[in-house]
């Protein structure tokens, strides 16, 4: 979103002489404020999210704490990274869930199987969710070896305009 700088060198309020008004916003400032308001209406708004560190197990389907959702489009973005590699191998899969048209829907990312601390995945899903739906996340986890894999996960839900 690009918004022009505020017209700070222009008068913000005109005070007419001999009129009972206390002042009116000038056209320059009115145009700027209107453009700013319209630009803000085109910006997504974060409605919820979760950040977890040093996870070492699967996470069952869990609701993402959000404000009350209305029917509409939402962008769900996640980031997951291995923070401690397993001795032998590991696997991690993120699944996002929601309800659309009364039907439970879900989408999963590909399994993260690199088993190094550089192994990571980011994903973004756009979902059409029902009113008062719960958007959820889950992580499937597998780790082999004496040292278990640990990971960090972040999930953000944004309402799209």
Protein backbone atom coordinates (compact mmCIF):
# COMPACT_ATOMS: atom_id res chain seq x y z
CA UNK A 1 0.00 0.00 0.00
CA UNK A 2 1.45 3.32 -1.03
CA UNK A 3 0.05 6.43 0.56
CA UNK A 4 1.27 9.86 -0.43
CA UNK A 5 2.84 11.96 2.32
CA UNK A 6 0.50 14.13 4.36
CA UNK A 7 0.16 17.66 2.91
CA UNK A 8 1.75 19.21 5.99
CA UNK A 9 2.54 22.50 4.25
CA UNK A 10 -1.13 23.10 3.44
CA UNK A 11 -3.66 24.63 5.78
CA UNK A 12 -5.74 21.85 7.33
CA UNK A 13 -8.78 23.88 8.40
CA UNK A 14 -10.45 26.90 6.81
CA UNK A 15 -12.30 29.12 9.21
CA UNK A 16 -14.80 31.23 7.24
CA UNK A 17 -15.19 34.81 8.43
CA UNK A 18 -18.54 36.03 9.64
CA UNK A 19 -20.02 32.53 9.59
CA UNK A 20 -21.12 30.55 12.62
CA UNK A 21 -18.87 27.62 11.66
CA UNK A 22 -15.76 26.81 13.62
CA UNK A 23 -13.87 25.51 10.60
CA UNK A 24 -13.92 23.04 7.75
CA UNK A 25 -11.24 20.68 6.50
CA UNK A 26 -9.66 21.99 3.32
CA UNK A 27 -10.05 20.07 0.05
CA UNK A 28 -6.35 19.13 0.02
CA UNK A 29 -6.58 17.50 3.45
CA UNK A 30 -10.00 15.96 2.75
CA UNK A 31 -8.62 14.30 -0.39
CA UNK A 32 -5.59 13.00 1.51
CA UNK A 33 -7.64 11.58 4.39
CA UNK A 34 -10.11 9.99 1.95
CA UNK A 35 -7.25 8.35 0.03
CA UNK A 36 -5.71 7.13 3.30
CA UNK A 37 -9.04 5.65 4.44
CA UNK A 38 -9.58 3.90 1.10
CA UNK A 39 -6.04 2.50 1.18
CA UNK A 40 -6.53 1.11 4.68
CA UNK A 41 -9.68 -0.66 3.47
CA UNK A 42 -7.54 -2.65 1.01
CA UNK A 43 -5.17 -4.01 3.67
CA UNK A 44 -5.50 -7.42 5.27
CA UNK A 45 -5.95 -7.55 9.03
CA UNK A 46 -4.37 -10.12 11.34
CA UNK A 47 -7.10 -11.91 13.26
CA UNK A 48 -5.09 -14.60 15.01
CA UNK A 49 -1.96 -16.65 15.19
CA UNK A 50 0.26 -19.01 17.10
CA UNK A 51 4.04 -19.25 17.68
CA UNK A 52 5.56 -22.32 19.31
CA UNK A 53 9.23 -23.09 19.92
CA UNK A 54 11.13 -26.27 20.86
CA UNK A 55 8.28 -28.59 19.90
CA UNK A 56 9.20 -32.26 19.99
CA UNK A 57 5.98 -34.12 19.21
CA UNK A 58 2.96 -34.14 16.94
CA UNK A 59 0.32 -31.48 17.50
CA UNK A 60 -3.26 -32.69 17.24
CA UNK A 61 -5.79 -30.51 15.42
CA UNK A 62 -5.84 -27.28 17.42
CA UNK A 63 -7.91 -24.13 16.96
CA UNK A 64 -6.00 -20.96 16.19
CA UNK A 65 -7.18 -18.27 18.59
CA UNK A 66 -8.86 -15.63 16.41
CA UNK A 67 -11.33 -12.83 16.72
CA UNK A 68 -14.89 -13.85 15.77
CA UNK A 69 -14.74 -14.70 12.07
CA UNK A 70 -17.31 -13.63 9.52
CA UNK A 71 -17.88 -15.46 6.24
CA UNK A 72 -15.10 -14.47 3.87
CA UNK A 73 -11.60 -14.98 2.57
CA UNK A 74 -8.72 -15.56 4.94
CA UNK A 75 -5.02 -15.97 4.29
CA UNK A 76 -3.35 -18.57 6.49
CA UNK A 77 0.44 -18.41 6.45
CA UNK A 78 2.71 -20.84 8.24
CA UNK A 79 6.41 -21.29 8.77
CA UNK A 80 8.00 -24.41 10.23
CA UNK A 81 11.70 -25.11 10.77
CA UNK A 82 13.66 -27.94 12.32
CA UNK A 83 15.59 -26.48 15.27
CA UNK A 84 17.27 -29.73 16.34
CA UNK A 85 17.89 -32.56 13.88
CA UNK A 86 17.15 -36.13 14.85
CA UNK A 87 20.01 -38.63 15.02
CA UNK A 88 18.78 -40.63 12.02
CA UNK A 89 15.76 -39.08 10.26
CA UNK A 90 12.65 -36.98 10.79
CA UNK A 91 9.48 -35.83 9.10
CA UNK A 92 7.11 -32.95 9.76
CA UNK A 93 3.85 -32.07 7.94
CA UNK A 94 1.65 -29.02 8.55
CA UNK A 95 -2.12 -29.25 7.96
CA UNK A 96 -4.52 -26.30 8.04
CA UNK A 97 -8.28 -26.87 8.49
CA UNK A 98 -11.45 -24.78 8.16
CA UNK A 99 -15.15 -25.07 7.35
CA UNK A 100 -16.56 -23.84 4.01
CA UNK A 101 -20.20 -24.21 3.06
CA UNK A 102 -20.70 -26.46 6.08
CA UNK A 103 -18.01 -28.87 4.86
CA UNK A 104 -14.81 -29.53 6.82
CA UNK A 105 -11.86 -28.76 4.54
CA UNK A 106 -8.11 -29.09 4.99
CA UNK A 107 -4.88 -28.57 3.12
CA UNK A 108 -1.45 -29.90 3.99
CA UNK A 109 2.03 -28.87 3.01
CA UNK A 110 4.58 -31.38 1.77
CA UNK A 111 6.48 -33.32 4.42
CA UNK A 112 9.67 -31.63 5.62
CA UNK A 113 12.21 -34.48 5.61
CA UNK A 114 15.64 -32.82 5.31
CA UNK A 115 16.51 -33.53 8.96
CA UNK A 116 18.90 -30.58 9.32
CA UNK A 117 18.43 -27.31 11.18
CA UNK A 118 18.15 -25.68 7.75
CA UNK A 119 15.13 -27.85 6.89
CA UNK A 120 12.13 -25.55 6.76
CA UNK A 121 8.93 -24.82 4.91
CA UNK A 122 6.68 -21.81 4.46
CA UNK A 123 3.22 -21.88 2.99
CA UNK A 124 0.22 -19.70 2.38
CA UNK A 125 -3.33 -20.90 1.83
CA UNK A 126 -6.29 -18.69 0.96
CA UNK A 127 -9.48 -20.16 2.38
CA UNK A 128 -13.14 -19.17 2.22
CA UNK A 129 -14.39 -19.77 5.72
CA UNK A 130 -17.92 -19.87 7.09
CA UNK A 131 -19.10 -17.46 9.75
CA UNK A 132 -17.91 -18.42 13.24
CA UNK A 133 -15.73 -21.20 11.78
CA UNK A 134 -12.60 -22.30 13.57
CA UNK A 135 -9.39 -22.30 11.58
CA UNK A 136 -7.11 -25.05 12.84
CA UNK A 137 -3.56 -26.32 12.49
CA UNK A 138 -2.02 -29.72 13.09
CA UNK A 139 1.49 -31.16 12.74
CA UNK A 140 2.31 -34.75 11.94
CA UNK A 141 5.70 -35.65 13.46
CA UNK A 142 8.13 -38.54 13.12
CA UNK A 143 11.64 -38.78 14.51
CA UNK A 144 14.11 -41.70 14.47
CA UNK A 145 17.25 -42.00 16.60
CA UNK A 146 18.52 -41.33 20.09
CA UNK A 147 18.24 -37.55 19.68
CA UNK A 148 14.73 -36.49 18.73
CA UNK A 149 13.91 -33.75 16.25
CA UNK A 150 12.61 -30.43 17.56
CA UNK A 151 10.94 -27.68 15.57
CA UNK A 152 9.45 -24.20 15.65
CA UNK A 153 6.06 -23.39 14.07
CA UNK A 154 4.38 -20.07 13.42
CA UNK A 155 0.89 -19.67 11.95
CA UNK A 156 -0.88 -16.38 11.15
CA UNK A 157 -4.49 -15.86 10.04
CA UNK A 158 -5.38 -12.63 8.19
CA UNK A 159 -8.79 -11.50 6.99
CA UNK A 160 -8.61 -10.38 3.37
CA UNK A 161 -10.49 -7.27 2.24
